[in-house]
Amino acid sequence: MVASESLVDGIWQDAPPSGAANALQALVSRLRRALRGLDVDVESHPAGYRLAVEPDAVDVVRFERPPRAAGPWPVTRRPPRGSCARRWNCGAGPHCWTSRPPTSSGRR
């Protein structure tokens, strides 16, 4: 959630309009209209606003997620080169960017 005060400060910096709370509500109303039909909603809370989206709709959540159930790395084979997302079904993320699997300490 983002506090209304933070939104006002971010939008108008040091020169908020008189009635900044009402002006912010008008902007949020316009945002809701723009988002209509998408799988996202702007929720109002007493202290501010929150974008309500499914976690999989946020790219950073997908990026930081560990590899999907690809199974353990084969002991007798070198890890694949190239697109591990295609060959190992591990999705996107930094763990797919090298040809060596991460160790238990997270180092390669």
Protein backbone atom coordinates (compact mmCIF):
# COMPACT_ATOMS: atom_id res chain seq x y z
CA MET A 1 0.00 0.00 0.00
CA VAL A 2 1.15 3.52 -0.74
CA ALA A 3 0.20 6.24 1.71
CA SER A 4 -1.88 9.08 0.30
CA GLU A 5 0.70 11.56 1.60
CA SER A 6 3.44 9.78 -0.37
CA LEU A 7 1.35 9.90 -3.54
CA VAL A 8 0.63 13.61 -3.08
CA ASP A 9 4.33 14.30 -2.48
CA GLY A 10 5.34 12.19 -5.50
CA ILE A 11 2.83 13.79 -7.85
CA TRP A 12 3.04 17.44 -6.85
CA GLN A 13 6.40 17.52 -4.96
CA ASP A 14 6.56 20.74 -2.94
CA ALA A 15 3.52 22.44 -4.48
CA PRO A 16 0.39 20.34 -3.85
CA PRO A 17 -2.87 21.98 -4.90
CA SER A 18 -5.35 23.13 -2.32
CA GLY A 19 -7.61 20.15 -1.72
CA ALA A 20 -4.82 17.71 -2.59
CA ALA A 21 -6.78 14.79 -1.12
CA ASN A 22 -9.71 15.46 -3.48
CA ALA A 23 -7.36 15.95 -6.43
CA LEU A 24 -5.71 12.61 -5.62
CA GLN A 25 -9.10 10.91 -5.47
CA ALA A 26 -9.91 12.32 -8.91
CA LEU A 27 -6.62 10.95 -10.31
CA VAL A 28 -7.30 7.54 -8.77
CA SER A 29 -10.77 7.57 -10.33
CA ARG A 30 -9.19 8.25 -13.75
CA LEU A 31 -6.69 5.46 -13.15
CA ARG A 32 -9.49 3.02 -12.30
CA ARG A 33 -11.27 3.91 -15.55
CA ALA A 34 -8.04 3.37 -17.51
CA LEU A 35 -7.55 -0.04 -15.88
CA ARG A 36 -11.13 -1.18 -16.45
CA GLY A 37 -11.24 -4.58 -18.14
CA LEU A 38 -7.78 -5.59 -16.94
CA ASP A 39 -7.06 -7.98 -14.08
CA VAL A 40 -6.03 -5.17 -11.75
CA ASP A 41 -7.89 -2.96 -9.32
CA VAL A 42 -6.98 0.07 -7.25
CA GLU A 43 -8.13 -0.56 -3.69
CA SER A 44 -8.78 2.33 -1.32
CA HIS A 45 -7.72 2.12 2.30
CA PRO A 46 -8.02 4.74 5.02
CA ALA A 47 -4.30 5.47 4.79
CA GLY A 48 -3.78 5.16 1.03
CA TYR A 49 -4.14 3.01 -2.06
CA ARG A 50 -3.07 -0.42 -3.20
CA LEU A 51 -2.91 -2.07 -6.62
CA ALA A 52 -4.59 -5.46 -6.36
CA VAL A 53 -3.07 -7.88 -8.88
CA GLU A 54 -2.32 -11.56 -8.97
CA PRO A 55 1.32 -12.21 -8.03
CA ASP A 56 2.02 -13.86 -11.41
CA ALA A 57 1.02 -10.61 -13.13
CA VAL A 58 4.04 -8.88 -11.57
CA ASP A 59 7.23 -9.54 -13.50
CA VAL A 60 9.54 -9.11 -10.51
CA VAL A 61 7.66 -11.85 -8.65
CA ARG A 62 8.11 -14.24 -11.58
CA PHE A 63 11.75 -13.23 -11.94
CA GLU A 64 12.64 -13.85 -8.30
CA ARG A 65 10.77 -17.15 -8.07
CA PRO A 66 13.08 -20.17 -7.87
CA PRO A 67 13.12 -22.61 -10.77
CA ARG A 68 9.93 -24.55 -11.35
CA ALA A 69 9.92 -28.25 -10.67
CA ALA A 70 12.76 -29.06 -13.03
CA GLY A 71 14.15 -31.69 -10.72
CA PRO A 72 17.70 -31.90 -9.48
CA TRP A 73 20.62 -31.29 -11.80
CA PRO A 74 21.82 -34.57 -13.30
CA VAL A 75 25.05 -35.66 -11.63
CA THR A 76 26.43 -37.36 -14.72
CA ARG A 77 25.75 -34.51 -17.16
CA ARG A 78 26.94 -30.96 -17.42
CA PRO A 79 24.15 -28.41 -16.96
CA PRO A 80 22.64 -27.31 -20.26
CA ARG A 81 24.01 -24.38 -22.21
CA GLY A 82 21.73 -21.92 -23.89
CA SER A 83 18.13 -21.61 -22.90
CA CYS A 84 17.61 -23.50 -19.69
CA ALA A 85 14.08 -22.09 -19.60
CA ARG A 86 13.27 -24.16 -22.67
CA ARG A 87 15.24 -27.31 -21.84
CA TRP A 88 14.81 -27.43 -18.05
CA ASN A 89 11.47 -25.64 -17.59
CA CYS A 90 12.96 -23.38 -14.95
CA GLY A 91 11.34 -20.11 -15.98
CA ALA A 92 13.13 -16.78 -16.04
CA GLY A 93 15.62 -15.46 -13.57
CA PRO A 94 19.29 -15.04 -12.77
CA HIS A 95 19.69 -18.75 -12.01
CA CYS A 96 19.15 -19.39 -15.74
CA TRP A 97 21.90 -17.08 -16.94
CA THR A 98 24.90 -19.34 -16.53
CA SER A 99 25.76 -22.86 -17.45
CA ARG A 100 26.52 -23.82 -13.84
CA PRO A 101 23.78 -24.57 -11.28
CA PRO A 102 23.75 -22.64 -7.99
CA THR A 103 25.16 -24.42 -4.95
CA SER A 104 23.37 -24.67 -1.62
CA SER A 105 25.09 -21.42 -0.59
CA GLY A 106 23.75 -19.70 -3.70
CA ARG A 107 27.20 -19.39 -5.29
CA ARG A 108 27.97 -20.70 -8.76
